[in-house]
């Protein structure tokens, strides 16, 4: 595991997060995504295309970083997509990809300045992991999604069990529907001999149609 990835997994404060990704932003796609054959953005897009239906728009890319989800999504979909992340510098890189209609710099652990029932889908790759966001933000994400809206999010396998994600999702039983999980590799082969073995859980569900009345 690279030192940068170790640092990312060890983040413990908002300030640390901002500083790490500020320093990493310009080289993130090359030094992390490409070097490690990072597959989570492609997998999120793959499952979004599999489960999406008319009306799952606009899309909010949560923890968008440098915009890797948009890079793959725009090859197959014309849906409007917005990006949200705490790192302005990472979002500056995302904006250069010219795939996002709107860029939002915000701390996702705080109440968002976004109206209720705005988005048709939430996509997220690599944000629910060591040292990053926890399950406490699910309520706020559900608030800003339309009833029936689709979620396709990756949750690192270790934190899924250790950090309360599994229980948090179970506790949302009355607010979500059509829940399914897929376990996939986070990284593809780097070369013929080497492969990082981390796994992620892709959680796919919809906001219940009547959830706003519960």
N, C-alpha and C. Protein backbone atom coordinates (compact mmCIF):
# COMPACT_ATOMS: atom_id res chain seq x y z
N UNK A 1 0.84 -1.20 0.00
CA UNK A 1 0.00 0.00 0.00
C UNK A 1 0.88 1.25 0.00
N UNK A 2 0.55 2.23 -0.84
CA UNK A 2 1.34 3.45 -0.93
C UNK A 2 1.18 4.29 0.33
N UNK A 3 2.15 5.17 0.57
CA UNK A 3 2.08 6.05 1.73
C UNK A 3 0.87 6.97 1.64
N UNK A 4 0.56 7.46 0.44
CA UNK A 4 -0.60 8.34 0.28
C UNK A 4 -1.89 7.63 0.66
N UNK A 5 -2.02 6.38 0.24
CA UNK A 5 -3.22 5.62 0.58
C UNK A 5 -3.27 5.34 2.07
N UNK A 6 -2.12 5.04 2.69
CA UNK A 6 -2.07 4.86 4.13
C UNK A 6 -2.50 6.13 4.84
N UNK A 7 -2.02 7.28 4.35
CA UNK A 7 -2.40 8.56 4.94
C UNK A 7 -3.90 8.80 4.81
N UNK A 8 -4.46 8.47 3.66
CA UNK A 8 -5.89 8.67 3.43
C UNK A 8 -6.72 7.80 4.37
N UNK A 9 -6.28 6.57 4.60
CA UNK A 9 -7.00 5.65 5.48
C UNK A 9 -6.88 6.06 6.95
N UNK A 10 -5.91 6.94 7.26
CA UNK A 10 -5.66 7.33 8.65
C UNK A 10 -6.22 8.70 9.01
N UNK A 11 -6.95 9.32 8.11
CA UNK A 11 -7.48 10.66 8.37
C UNK A 11 -8.39 10.66 9.59
N UNK A 12 -8.26 11.73 10.41
CA UNK A 12 -9.06 11.78 11.63
C UNK A 12 -9.75 13.12 11.84
N UNK A 13 -9.54 14.08 10.95
CA UNK A 13 -10.19 15.38 11.11
C UNK A 13 -10.47 15.99 9.75
N UNK A 14 -11.39 16.95 9.73
CA UNK A 14 -11.72 17.66 8.50
C UNK A 14 -10.49 18.38 7.96
N UNK A 15 -9.73 19.00 8.86
CA UNK A 15 -8.53 19.73 8.45
C UNK A 15 -7.51 18.80 7.78
N UNK A 16 -7.32 17.61 8.37
CA UNK A 16 -6.40 16.63 7.78
C UNK A 16 -6.86 16.22 6.39
N UNK A 17 -8.16 16.02 6.24
CA UNK A 17 -8.72 15.62 4.95
C UNK A 17 -8.47 16.69 3.89
N UNK A 18 -8.76 17.93 4.24
CA UNK A 18 -8.57 19.03 3.29
C UNK A 18 -7.11 19.15 2.89
N UNK A 19 -6.21 19.06 3.86
CA UNK A 19 -4.78 19.21 3.57
C UNK A 19 -4.24 18.07 2.71
N UNK A 20 -4.65 16.84 3.02
CA UNK A 20 -4.16 15.69 2.25
C UNK A 20 -4.58 15.80 0.78
N UNK A 21 -5.86 16.06 0.56
CA UNK A 21 -6.34 16.07 -0.82
C UNK A 21 -5.93 17.33 -1.57
N UNK A 22 -5.64 18.39 -0.85
CA UNK A 22 -5.08 19.58 -1.50
C UNK A 22 -3.72 19.24 -2.09
N UNK A 23 -2.91 18.52 -1.33
CA UNK A 23 -1.57 18.15 -1.79
C UNK A 23 -1.61 17.08 -2.88
N UNK A 24 -2.63 16.26 -2.87
CA UNK A 24 -2.72 15.10 -3.75
C UNK A 24 -3.46 15.40 -5.05
N UNK A 25 -4.24 16.46 -5.08
CA UNK A 25 -5.24 16.67 -6.12
C UNK A 25 -4.70 16.61 -7.55
N UNK A 26 -3.61 17.30 -7.83
CA UNK A 26 -3.14 17.40 -9.21
C UNK A 26 -2.60 16.08 -9.76
N UNK A 27 -2.17 15.21 -8.85
CA UNK A 27 -1.57 13.94 -9.29
C UNK A 27 -2.41 12.72 -8.93
N UNK A 28 -3.60 12.95 -8.39
CA UNK A 28 -4.42 11.85 -7.87
C UNK A 28 -4.76 10.82 -8.95
N UNK A 29 -5.22 11.30 -10.09
CA UNK A 29 -5.63 10.37 -11.15
C UNK A 29 -4.46 9.50 -11.60
N UNK A 30 -3.29 10.11 -11.73
CA UNK A 30 -2.12 9.37 -12.20
C UNK A 30 -1.53 8.49 -11.10
N UNK A 31 -1.29 9.09 -9.92
CA UNK A 31 -0.53 8.40 -8.87
C UNK A 31 -1.36 7.41 -8.07
N UNK A 32 -2.67 7.60 -8.03
CA UNK A 32 -3.51 6.65 -7.30
C UNK A 32 -4.39 5.83 -8.24
N UNK A 33 -5.27 6.49 -8.98
CA UNK A 33 -6.25 5.75 -9.77
C UNK A 33 -5.60 4.90 -10.86
N UNK A 34 -4.75 5.51 -11.65
CA UNK A 34 -4.12 4.77 -12.75
C UNK A 34 -3.09 3.77 -12.23
N UNK A 35 -2.25 4.22 -11.32
CA UNK A 35 -1.16 3.36 -10.82
C UNK A 35 -1.70 2.11 -10.14
N UNK A 36 -2.82 2.23 -9.42
CA UNK A 36 -3.38 1.10 -8.68
C UNK A 36 -4.51 0.39 -9.42
N UNK A 37 -4.80 0.83 -10.65
CA UNK A 37 -5.90 0.25 -11.44
C UNK A 37 -7.19 0.27 -10.61
N UNK A 38 -7.53 1.45 -10.15
CA UNK A 38 -8.67 1.68 -9.25
C UNK A 38 -9.98 1.49 -10.01
N UNK A 39 -10.79 0.52 -9.57
CA UNK A 39 -11.97 0.11 -10.32
C UNK A 39 -13.30 0.62 -9.76
N UNK A 40 -13.31 1.19 -8.57
CA UNK A 40 -14.59 1.54 -7.95
C UNK A 40 -15.44 2.51 -8.78
N UNK A 41 -14.88 3.56 -9.37
CA UNK A 41 -15.73 4.45 -10.19
C UNK A 41 -16.40 3.71 -11.35
N UNK A 42 -15.65 2.86 -12.05
CA UNK A 42 -16.24 2.09 -13.14
C UNK A 42 -17.33 1.16 -12.64
N UNK A 43 -17.11 0.54 -11.47
CA UNK A 43 -18.10 -0.38 -10.93
C UNK A 43 -19.38 0.34 -10.52
N UNK A 44 -19.25 1.52 -9.95
CA UNK A 44 -20.43 2.31 -9.60
C UNK A 44 -21.24 2.63 -10.85
N UNK A 45 -20.56 3.06 -11.90
CA UNK A 45 -21.25 3.37 -13.16
C UNK A 45 -21.90 2.11 -13.74
N UNK A 46 -21.19 1.01 -13.69
CA UNK A 46 -21.73 -0.27 -14.20
C UNK A 46 -23.05 -0.61 -13.52
N UNK A 47 -23.09 -0.51 -12.19
CA UNK A 47 -24.31 -0.88 -11.48
C UNK A 47 -25.38 0.19 -11.58
N UNK A 48 -24.99 1.44 -11.72
CA UNK A 48 -25.98 2.49 -11.97
C UNK A 48 -26.70 2.21 -13.29
N UNK A 49 -25.95 1.91 -14.33
CA UNK A 49 -26.56 1.64 -15.63
C UNK A 49 -27.45 0.40 -15.58
N UNK A 50 -27.07 -0.57 -14.76
CA UNK A 50 -27.87 -1.79 -14.64
C UNK A 50 -29.19 -1.55 -13.92
N UNK A 51 -29.18 -0.72 -12.88
CA UNK A 51 -30.36 -0.56 -12.04
C UNK A 51 -31.15 0.72 -12.29
N UNK A 52 -30.62 1.63 -13.05
CA UNK A 52 -31.29 2.93 -13.21
C UNK A 52 -32.51 2.82 -14.12
N UNK A 53 -33.37 3.80 -13.97
CA UNK A 53 -34.56 3.89 -14.80
C UNK A 53 -34.86 5.36 -15.07
N UNK A 54 -35.81 5.62 -15.92
CA UNK A 54 -36.16 6.99 -16.25
C UNK A 54 -36.54 7.74 -14.98
N UNK A 55 -36.00 8.93 -14.81
CA UNK A 55 -36.29 9.73 -13.63
C UNK A 55 -35.18 9.75 -12.61
N UNK A 56 -34.17 8.90 -12.78
CA UNK A 56 -33.04 8.87 -11.84
C UNK A 56 -32.03 9.97 -12.18
N UNK A 57 -32.53 11.19 -12.20
CA UNK A 57 -31.72 12.36 -12.57
C UNK A 57 -32.37 13.59 -11.95
N UNK A 58 -31.57 14.62 -11.62
CA UNK A 58 -30.12 14.69 -11.74
C UNK A 58 -29.41 13.78 -10.73
N UNK A 59 -28.14 13.57 -10.97
CA UNK A 59 -27.32 12.69 -10.14
C UNK A 59 -26.39 13.54 -9.28
N UNK A 60 -26.22 13.16 -8.02
CA UNK A 60 -25.21 13.78 -7.17
C UNK A 60 -24.09 12.79 -6.93
N UNK A 61 -22.89 13.17 -7.31
CA UNK A 61 -21.68 12.37 -7.09
C UNK A 61 -21.09 12.79 -5.75
N UNK A 62 -21.27 11.95 -4.74
CA UNK A 62 -20.90 12.27 -3.36
C UNK A 62 -19.44 11.88 -3.10
N UNK A 63 -18.65 12.86 -2.64
CA UNK A 63 -17.22 12.64 -2.50
C UNK A 63 -16.60 12.48 -3.87
N UNK A 64 -16.97 13.38 -4.77
CA UNK A 64 -16.64 13.25 -6.20
C UNK A 64 -15.15 13.28 -6.48
N UNK A 65 -14.38 13.94 -5.61
CA UNK A 65 -12.94 14.01 -5.84
C UNK A 65 -12.61 14.64 -7.18
N UNK A 66 -11.80 13.96 -7.96
CA UNK A 66 -11.37 14.49 -9.26
C UNK A 66 -12.34 14.16 -10.39
N UNK A 67 -13.47 13.57 -10.05
CA UNK A 67 -14.51 13.36 -11.06
C UNK A 67 -14.40 12.08 -11.86
N UNK A 68 -13.85 11.03 -11.26
CA UNK A 68 -13.67 9.79 -12.01
C UNK A 68 -14.99 9.12 -12.37
N UNK A 69 -15.99 9.23 -11.51
CA UNK A 69 -17.30 8.66 -11.86
C UNK A 69 -17.83 9.32 -13.13
N UNK A 70 -17.73 10.63 -13.20
CA UNK A 70 -18.26 11.34 -14.37
C UNK A 70 -17.53 10.95 -15.65
N UNK A 71 -16.25 10.67 -15.52
CA UNK A 71 -15.44 10.27 -16.68
C UNK A 71 -16.02 9.03 -17.36
N UNK A 72 -16.46 8.07 -16.54
CA UNK A 72 -17.01 6.84 -17.09
C UNK A 72 -18.50 6.95 -17.39
N UNK A 73 -19.23 7.69 -16.55
CA UNK A 73 -20.67 7.81 -16.75
C UNK A 73 -21.01 8.50 -18.06
N UNK A 74 -20.27 9.55 -18.39
CA UNK A 74 -20.59 10.34 -19.58
C UNK A 74 -20.37 9.58 -20.88
N UNK A 75 -19.70 8.45 -20.81
CA UNK A 75 -19.54 7.61 -22.01
C UNK A 75 -20.85 6.92 -22.38
N UNK A 76 -21.75 6.76 -21.37
CA UNK A 76 -22.95 5.95 -21.57
C UNK A 76 -24.25 6.67 -21.24
N UNK A 77 -24.18 7.81 -20.58
CA UNK A 77 -25.39 8.48 -20.11
C UNK A 77 -25.30 9.99 -20.31
N UNK A 78 -26.42 10.58 -20.64
CA UNK A 78 -26.49 12.04 -20.79
C UNK A 78 -27.13 12.70 -19.57
N UNK A 79 -27.32 11.93 -18.50
CA UNK A 79 -27.94 12.46 -17.29
C UNK A 79 -27.14 13.62 -16.71
N UNK A 80 -27.84 14.61 -16.19
CA UNK A 80 -27.17 15.72 -15.52
C UNK A 80 -26.53 15.21 -14.23
N UNK A 81 -25.31 15.67 -13.98
CA UNK A 81 -24.60 15.21 -12.79
C UNK A 81 -23.93 16.38 -12.08
N UNK A 82 -24.08 16.41 -10.75
CA UNK A 82 -23.45 17.42 -9.91
C UNK A 82 -22.39 16.73 -9.06
N UNK A 83 -21.38 17.49 -8.65
CA UNK A 83 -20.30 16.95 -7.82
C UNK A 83 -20.28 17.66 -6.47
N UNK A 84 -20.08 16.89 -5.40
CA UNK A 84 -19.92 17.48 -4.07
C UNK A 84 -18.74 16.82 -3.38
N UNK A 85 -17.92 17.65 -2.73
CA UNK A 85 -16.73 17.15 -2.04
C UNK A 85 -16.26 18.25 -1.09
N UNK A 86 -15.50 17.86 -0.07
CA UNK A 86 -14.97 18.84 0.87
C UNK A 86 -13.72 19.53 0.32
N UNK A 87 -13.08 18.91 -0.67
CA UNK A 87 -11.82 19.43 -1.19
C UNK A 87 -12.03 20.27 -2.44
N UNK A 88 -11.82 21.57 -2.32
CA UNK A 88 -11.94 22.45 -3.48
C UNK A 88 -10.93 22.08 -4.55
N UNK A 89 -9.74 21.72 -4.13
CA UNK A 89 -8.68 21.41 -5.09
C UNK A 89 -9.00 20.14 -5.90
N UNK A 90 -9.57 19.15 -5.24
CA UNK A 90 -9.99 17.95 -5.98
C UNK A 90 -11.10 18.30 -6.96
N UNK A 91 -12.03 19.13 -6.52
CA UNK A 91 -13.13 19.53 -7.40
C UNK A 91 -12.65 20.40 -8.56
N UNK A 92 -11.58 21.15 -8.34
CA UNK A 92 -10.99 21.91 -9.45
C UNK A 92 -10.55 20.97 -10.57
N UNK A 93 -10.00 19.83 -10.17
CA UNK A 93 -9.60 18.83 -11.16
C UNK A 93 -10.83 18.20 -11.83
N UNK A 94 -11.86 17.96 -11.03
CA UNK A 94 -13.11 17.41 -11.58
C UNK A 94 -13.72 18.36 -12.60
N UNK A 95 -13.70 19.64 -12.29
CA UNK A 95 -14.31 20.64 -13.18
C UNK A 95 -13.62 20.65 -14.54
N UNK A 96 -12.33 20.37 -14.56
CA UNK A 96 -11.59 20.35 -15.82
C UNK A 96 -12.05 19.23 -16.76
N UNK A 97 -12.71 18.21 -16.21
CA UNK A 97 -13.23 17.13 -17.05
C UNK A 97 -14.48 17.58 -17.80
N UNK A 98 -15.08 18.68 -17.37
CA UNK A 98 -16.23 19.31 -18.05
C UNK A 98 -17.44 18.39 -18.17
N UNK A 99 -17.65 17.57 -17.16
CA UNK A 99 -18.81 16.67 -17.16
C UNK A 99 -19.89 17.07 -16.18
N UNK A 100 -19.54 17.95 -15.24
CA UNK A 100 -20.48 18.31 -14.18
C UNK A 100 -21.21 19.61 -14.49
N UNK A 101 -22.50 19.59 -14.24
CA UNK A 101 -23.30 20.80 -14.42
C UNK A 101 -23.10 21.76 -13.25
N UNK A 102 -22.81 21.19 -12.07
CA UNK A 102 -22.67 22.00 -10.86
C UNK A 102 -21.61 21.38 -9.96
N UNK A 103 -20.79 22.24 -9.35
CA UNK A 103 -19.75 21.83 -8.41
C UNK A 103 -20.07 22.42 -7.04
N UNK A 104 -20.08 21.56 -6.01
CA UNK A 104 -20.44 22.00 -4.66
C UNK A 104 -19.31 21.64 -3.70
N UNK A 105 -18.73 22.65 -3.06
CA UNK A 105 -17.73 22.42 -2.01
C UNK A 105 -18.47 22.43 -0.68
N UNK A 106 -18.45 21.31 0.03
CA UNK A 106 -19.21 21.22 1.28
C UNK A 106 -18.68 20.09 2.14
N UNK A 107 -18.86 20.25 3.45
CA UNK A 107 -18.56 19.21 4.43
C UNK A 107 -19.80 18.34 4.56
N UNK A 108 -19.71 17.12 4.12
CA UNK A 108 -20.88 16.23 4.10
C UNK A 108 -21.30 15.78 5.50
N UNK A 109 -20.49 16.08 6.51
CA UNK A 109 -20.89 15.78 7.88
C UNK A 109 -21.80 16.86 8.46
N UNK A 110 -22.00 17.94 7.72
CA UNK A 110 -22.86 19.03 8.15
C UNK A 110 -24.14 19.03 7.31
N UNK A 111 -25.17 19.73 7.80
CA UNK A 111 -26.40 19.86 7.02
C UNK A 111 -26.08 20.60 5.73
N UNK A 112 -26.52 20.05 4.63
CA UNK A 112 -26.20 20.60 3.32
C UNK A 112 -27.18 21.70 2.93
N UNK A 113 -26.67 22.68 2.22
CA UNK A 113 -27.52 23.77 1.74
C UNK A 113 -28.16 23.36 0.41
N UNK A 114 -28.91 22.29 0.49
CA UNK A 114 -29.59 21.70 -0.66
C UNK A 114 -31.02 21.41 -0.23
N UNK A 115 -31.98 21.74 -1.07
CA UNK A 115 -33.39 21.53 -0.74
C UNK A 115 -33.73 20.04 -0.69
N UNK A 116 -34.87 19.73 -0.08
CA UNK A 116 -35.35 18.36 -0.01
C UNK A 116 -35.71 17.83 -1.40
N UNK A 117 -35.56 16.54 -1.58
CA UNK A 117 -36.11 15.83 -2.76
C UNK A 117 -35.66 16.40 -4.09
N UNK A 118 -34.37 16.71 -4.21
CA UNK A 118 -33.83 17.34 -5.42
C UNK A 118 -33.27 16.31 -6.41
N UNK A 119 -32.55 15.33 -5.90
CA UNK A 119 -31.78 14.44 -6.77
C UNK A 119 -32.51 13.13 -7.07
N UNK A 120 -32.28 12.63 -8.28
CA UNK A 120 -32.85 11.35 -8.67
C UNK A 120 -31.95 10.18 -8.36
N UNK A 121 -30.68 10.47 -8.08
CA UNK A 121 -29.74 9.39 -7.76
C UNK A 121 -28.54 9.94 -7.00
N UNK A 122 -27.99 9.10 -6.14
CA UNK A 122 -26.74 9.37 -5.44
C UNK A 122 -25.74 8.30 -5.86
N UNK A 123 -24.59 8.73 -6.36
CA UNK A 123 -23.50 7.80 -6.67
C UNK A 123 -22.30 8.17 -5.80
N UNK A 124 -21.54 7.18 -5.39
CA UNK A 124 -20.36 7.47 -4.57
C UNK A 124 -19.37 6.32 -4.67
N UNK A 125 -18.11 6.66 -4.93
CA UNK A 125 -17.04 5.66 -5.01
C UNK A 125 -15.87 6.07 -4.13
N UNK A 126 -15.51 5.22 -3.18
CA UNK A 126 -14.32 5.45 -2.36
C UNK A 126 -14.47 6.46 -1.25
N UNK A 127 -15.70 6.85 -0.95
CA UNK A 127 -15.93 7.87 0.08
C UNK A 127 -16.25 7.26 1.43
N UNK A 128 -16.93 6.12 1.42
CA UNK A 128 -17.25 5.43 2.67
C UNK A 128 -16.17 4.38 2.91
N UNK A 129 -15.09 4.83 3.56
CA UNK A 129 -13.91 3.98 3.72
C UNK A 129 -13.16 4.40 4.98
N UNK A 130 -12.00 3.84 5.22
CA UNK A 130 -11.19 4.18 6.39
C UNK A 130 -10.91 5.69 6.41
N UNK A 131 -11.16 6.33 7.55
CA UNK A 131 -10.78 7.72 7.73
C UNK A 131 -11.61 8.73 6.97
N UNK A 132 -12.72 8.30 6.38
CA UNK A 132 -13.54 9.21 5.59
C UNK A 132 -14.94 9.31 6.19
N UNK A 133 -15.97 9.28 5.38
CA UNK A 133 -17.33 9.48 5.87
C UNK A 133 -17.90 8.22 6.51
N UNK A 134 -18.74 8.44 7.53
CA UNK A 134 -19.40 7.34 8.21
C UNK A 134 -20.87 7.25 7.83
N UNK A 135 -21.58 6.28 8.40
CA UNK A 135 -23.00 6.07 8.07
C UNK A 135 -23.92 7.15 8.61
N UNK A 136 -23.39 8.05 9.44
CA UNK A 136 -24.22 9.11 10.01
C UNK A 136 -24.78 10.05 8.97
N UNK A 137 -24.22 10.07 7.76
CA UNK A 137 -24.70 11.02 6.75
C UNK A 137 -25.83 10.46 5.89
N UNK A 138 -26.22 9.20 6.10
CA UNK A 138 -27.27 8.62 5.27
C UNK A 138 -28.58 9.40 5.35
N UNK A 139 -28.92 9.86 6.56
CA UNK A 139 -30.16 10.60 6.72
C UNK A 139 -30.20 11.87 5.90
N UNK A 140 -29.09 12.58 5.86
CA UNK A 140 -29.01 13.82 5.09
C UNK A 140 -29.07 13.52 3.59
N UNK A 141 -28.42 12.46 3.16
CA UNK A 141 -28.48 12.09 1.74
C UNK A 141 -29.89 11.68 1.34
N UNK A 142 -30.57 10.94 2.20
CA UNK A 142 -31.96 10.57 1.91
C UNK A 142 -32.85 11.80 1.81
N UNK A 143 -32.57 12.80 2.62
CA UNK A 143 -33.38 14.03 2.60
C UNK A 143 -33.36 14.71 1.24
N UNK A 144 -32.21 14.74 0.60
CA UNK A 144 -32.07 15.52 -0.63
C UNK A 144 -32.41 14.71 -1.89
N UNK A 145 -32.75 13.43 -1.71
CA UNK A 145 -33.09 12.57 -2.84
C UNK A 145 -34.61 12.45 -2.96
N UNK A 146 -35.08 12.42 -4.19
CA UNK A 146 -36.51 12.27 -4.46
C UNK A 146 -36.99 10.90 -3.96
N UNK A 147 -38.24 10.79 -3.53
CA UNK A 147 -38.80 9.47 -3.25
C UNK A 147 -38.63 8.56 -4.47
N UNK A 148 -38.13 7.38 -4.24
CA UNK A 148 -37.85 6.46 -5.34
C UNK A 148 -36.47 6.61 -5.93
N UNK A 149 -35.70 7.61 -5.47
CA UNK A 149 -34.37 7.86 -6.01
C UNK A 149 -33.40 6.72 -5.72
N UNK A 150 -32.45 6.55 -6.62
CA UNK A 150 -31.52 5.43 -6.58
C UNK A 150 -30.21 5.80 -5.90
N UNK A 151 -29.70 4.89 -5.07
CA UNK A 151 -28.37 5.00 -4.46
C UNK A 151 -27.50 3.87 -4.99
N UNK A 152 -26.29 4.21 -5.43
CA UNK A 152 -25.27 3.22 -5.76
C UNK A 152 -23.98 3.71 -5.12
N UNK A 153 -23.58 3.09 -4.01
CA UNK A 153 -22.45 3.59 -3.23
C UNK A 153 -21.52 2.44 -2.84
N UNK A 154 -20.22 2.72 -2.85
CA UNK A 154 -19.26 1.72 -2.38
C UNK A 154 -18.96 1.95 -0.90
N UNK A 155 -18.83 0.85 -0.18
CA UNK A 155 -18.46 0.88 1.24
C UNK A 155 -17.34 -0.15 1.43
N UNK A 156 -16.17 0.31 1.84
CA UNK A 156 -15.04 -0.61 2.02
C UNK A 156 -15.48 -1.78 2.91
N UNK A 157 -15.14 -2.98 2.52
CA UNK A 157 -15.62 -4.17 3.22
C UNK A 157 -15.31 -4.15 4.71
N UNK A 158 -14.13 -3.71 5.10
CA UNK A 158 -13.77 -3.70 6.51
C UNK A 158 -14.63 -2.73 7.31
N UNK A 159 -14.83 -1.51 6.80
CA UNK A 159 -15.61 -0.53 7.56
C UNK A 159 -17.10 -0.85 7.49
N UNK A 160 -17.53 -1.58 6.48
CA UNK A 160 -18.94 -1.98 6.38
C UNK A 160 -19.37 -2.70 7.65
N UNK A 161 -18.50 -3.55 8.16
CA UNK A 161 -18.82 -4.30 9.36
C UNK A 161 -18.34 -3.59 10.63
N UNK A 162 -17.14 -3.02 10.61
CA UNK A 162 -16.55 -2.46 11.82
C UNK A 162 -17.10 -1.09 12.21
N UNK A 163 -17.50 -0.30 11.24
CA UNK A 163 -17.88 1.09 11.51
C UNK A 163 -19.39 1.32 11.49
N UNK A 164 -20.16 0.26 11.53
CA UNK A 164 -21.60 0.40 11.71
C UNK A 164 -22.42 0.60 10.46
N UNK A 165 -21.83 0.44 9.28
CA UNK A 165 -22.61 0.64 8.05
C UNK A 165 -23.70 -0.42 7.89
N UNK A 166 -23.35 -1.66 8.18
CA UNK A 166 -24.33 -2.74 8.03
C UNK A 166 -25.55 -2.48 8.91
N UNK A 167 -25.31 -2.14 10.17
CA UNK A 167 -26.41 -1.88 11.10
C UNK A 167 -27.19 -0.63 10.69
N UNK A 168 -26.48 0.41 10.25
CA UNK A 168 -27.15 1.64 9.83
C UNK A 168 -28.09 1.40 8.67
N UNK A 169 -27.66 0.59 7.71
CA UNK A 169 -28.52 0.28 6.56
C UNK A 169 -29.71 -0.56 7.00
N UNK A 170 -29.49 -1.50 7.90
CA UNK A 170 -30.60 -2.31 8.42
C UNK A 170 -31.62 -1.42 9.13
N UNK A 171 -31.14 -0.38 9.83
CA UNK A 171 -32.03 0.53 10.54
C UNK A 171 -32.83 1.44 9.62
N UNK A 172 -32.44 1.48 8.35
CA UNK A 172 -33.16 2.30 7.36
C UNK A 172 -34.26 1.51 6.66
N UNK A 173 -34.60 0.34 7.19
CA UNK A 173 -35.50 -0.58 6.49
C UNK A 173 -36.81 0.07 6.04
N UNK A 174 -37.35 0.99 6.85
CA UNK A 174 -38.62 1.62 6.49
C UNK A 174 -38.45 2.81 5.55
N UNK A 175 -37.22 3.23 5.35
CA UNK A 175 -36.96 4.42 4.53
C UNK A 175 -36.37 4.09 3.16
N UNK A 176 -35.97 2.82 2.99
CA UNK A 176 -35.38 2.43 1.71
C UNK A 176 -36.06 1.15 1.21
N UNK A 177 -35.85 0.85 -0.06
CA UNK A 177 -36.43 -0.36 -0.65
C UNK A 177 -35.50 -0.88 -1.73
N UNK A 178 -35.77 -2.09 -2.19
CA UNK A 178 -35.01 -2.74 -3.27
C UNK A 178 -33.51 -2.81 -2.95
N UNK A 179 -33.20 -3.15 -1.69
CA UNK A 179 -31.80 -3.19 -1.26
C UNK A 179 -31.10 -4.44 -1.79
N UNK A 180 -29.92 -4.24 -2.34
CA UNK A 180 -29.09 -5.36 -2.77
C UNK A 180 -27.62 -4.99 -2.58
N UNK A 181 -26.78 -6.00 -2.39
CA UNK A 181 -25.35 -5.79 -2.20
C UNK A 181 -24.56 -6.60 -3.22
N UNK A 182 -23.44 -6.04 -3.63
CA UNK A 182 -22.48 -6.76 -4.47
C UNK A 182 -21.09 -6.54 -3.89
N UNK A 183 -20.31 -7.60 -3.73
CA UNK A 183 -18.93 -7.48 -3.26
C UNK A 183 -17.99 -7.60 -4.45
N UNK A 184 -17.13 -6.60 -4.61
CA UNK A 184 -16.23 -6.58 -5.77
C UNK A 184 -14.84 -6.13 -5.34
N UNK A 185 -13.87 -6.34 -6.20
CA UNK A 185 -12.52 -5.86 -5.95
C UNK A 185 -12.45 -4.34 -6.14
N UNK A 186 -11.71 -3.67 -5.27
CA UNK A 186 -11.50 -2.23 -5.43
C UNK A 186 -10.49 -1.96 -6.53
N UNK A 187 -9.51 -2.84 -6.65
CA UNK A 187 -8.43 -2.63 -7.61
C UNK A 187 -8.35 -3.79 -8.59
N UNK A 188 -8.00 -3.48 -9.83
CA UNK A 188 -7.71 -4.51 -10.81
C UNK A 188 -6.25 -4.89 -10.75
N UNK A 189 -5.82 -5.72 -11.66
CA UNK A 189 -4.42 -6.13 -11.68
C UNK A 189 -3.53 -4.94 -12.01
N UNK A 190 -2.47 -4.81 -11.24
CA UNK A 190 -1.49 -3.75 -11.48
C UNK A 190 -0.45 -4.25 -12.48
N UNK A 191 -0.04 -5.47 -12.30
CA UNK A 191 0.79 -6.16 -13.29
C UNK A 191 0.50 -7.65 -13.14
N UNK A 192 1.23 -8.49 -13.80
CA UNK A 192 0.91 -9.91 -13.79
C UNK A 192 1.06 -10.55 -12.42
N UNK A 193 1.91 -9.97 -11.57
CA UNK A 193 2.18 -10.58 -10.28
C UNK A 193 1.42 -9.92 -9.12
N UNK A 194 1.14 -8.65 -9.24
CA UNK A 194 0.69 -7.89 -8.08
C UNK A 194 -0.76 -7.43 -8.22
N UNK A 195 -1.48 -7.50 -7.10
CA UNK A 195 -2.84 -6.99 -7.07
C UNK A 195 -3.23 -6.67 -5.63
N UNK A 196 -3.67 -5.45 -5.39
CA UNK A 196 -4.17 -5.11 -4.07
C UNK A 196 -5.48 -5.87 -3.85
N UNK A 197 -5.65 -6.42 -2.65
CA UNK A 197 -6.74 -7.37 -2.43
C UNK A 197 -7.97 -6.76 -1.74
N UNK A 198 -7.98 -5.46 -1.53
CA UNK A 198 -9.12 -4.83 -0.86
C UNK A 198 -10.42 -5.09 -1.62
N UNK A 199 -11.48 -5.29 -0.84
CA UNK A 199 -12.81 -5.48 -1.41
C UNK A 199 -13.72 -4.34 -0.98
N UNK A 200 -14.74 -4.10 -1.77
CA UNK A 200 -15.74 -3.12 -1.39
C UNK A 200 -17.13 -3.72 -1.55
N UNK A 201 -18.05 -3.26 -0.71
CA UNK A 201 -19.45 -3.63 -0.83
C UNK A 201 -20.14 -2.51 -1.61
N UNK A 202 -20.77 -2.86 -2.71
CA UNK A 202 -21.58 -1.87 -3.43
C UNK A 202 -23.01 -2.04 -2.94
N UNK A 203 -23.50 -1.03 -2.24
CA UNK A 203 -24.88 -1.03 -1.73
C UNK A 203 -25.76 -0.30 -2.73
N UNK A 204 -26.84 -0.95 -3.13
CA UNK A 204 -27.77 -0.40 -4.10
C UNK A 204 -29.16 -0.44 -3.50
N UNK A 205 -29.81 0.70 -3.46
CA UNK A 205 -31.17 0.76 -2.92
C UNK A 205 -31.86 2.02 -3.42
N UNK A 206 -33.16 2.09 -3.16
CA UNK A 206 -33.93 3.27 -3.51
C UNK A 206 -34.57 3.86 -2.25
N UNK A 207 -34.71 5.17 -2.26
CA UNK A 207 -35.46 5.82 -1.20
C UNK A 207 -36.91 5.40 -1.32
N UNK A 208 -37.49 4.94 -0.21
CA UNK A 208 -38.88 4.49 -0.23
C UNK A 208 -39.81 5.61 -0.69
N UNK A 209 -40.80 5.26 -1.46
CA UNK A 209 -41.73 6.25 -2.01
C UNK A 209 -42.40 7.05 -0.91
N UNK A 210 -42.75 6.39 0.19
CA UNK A 210 -43.47 7.06 1.27
C UNK A 210 -42.57 7.45 2.43
N UNK A 211 -41.25 7.46 2.22
CA UNK A 211 -40.31 7.66 3.34
C UNK A 211 -40.43 9.03 3.98
N UNK A 212 -40.84 10.04 3.23
CA UNK A 212 -40.95 11.39 3.79
C UNK A 212 -42.09 11.51 4.79
N UNK A 213 -42.95 10.50 4.85
CA UNK A 213 -44.09 10.54 5.76
C UNK A 213 -43.89 9.66 6.98
N UNK A 214 -42.71 9.03 7.07
CA UNK A 214 -42.44 8.14 8.21
C UNK A 214 -41.91 8.91 9.40
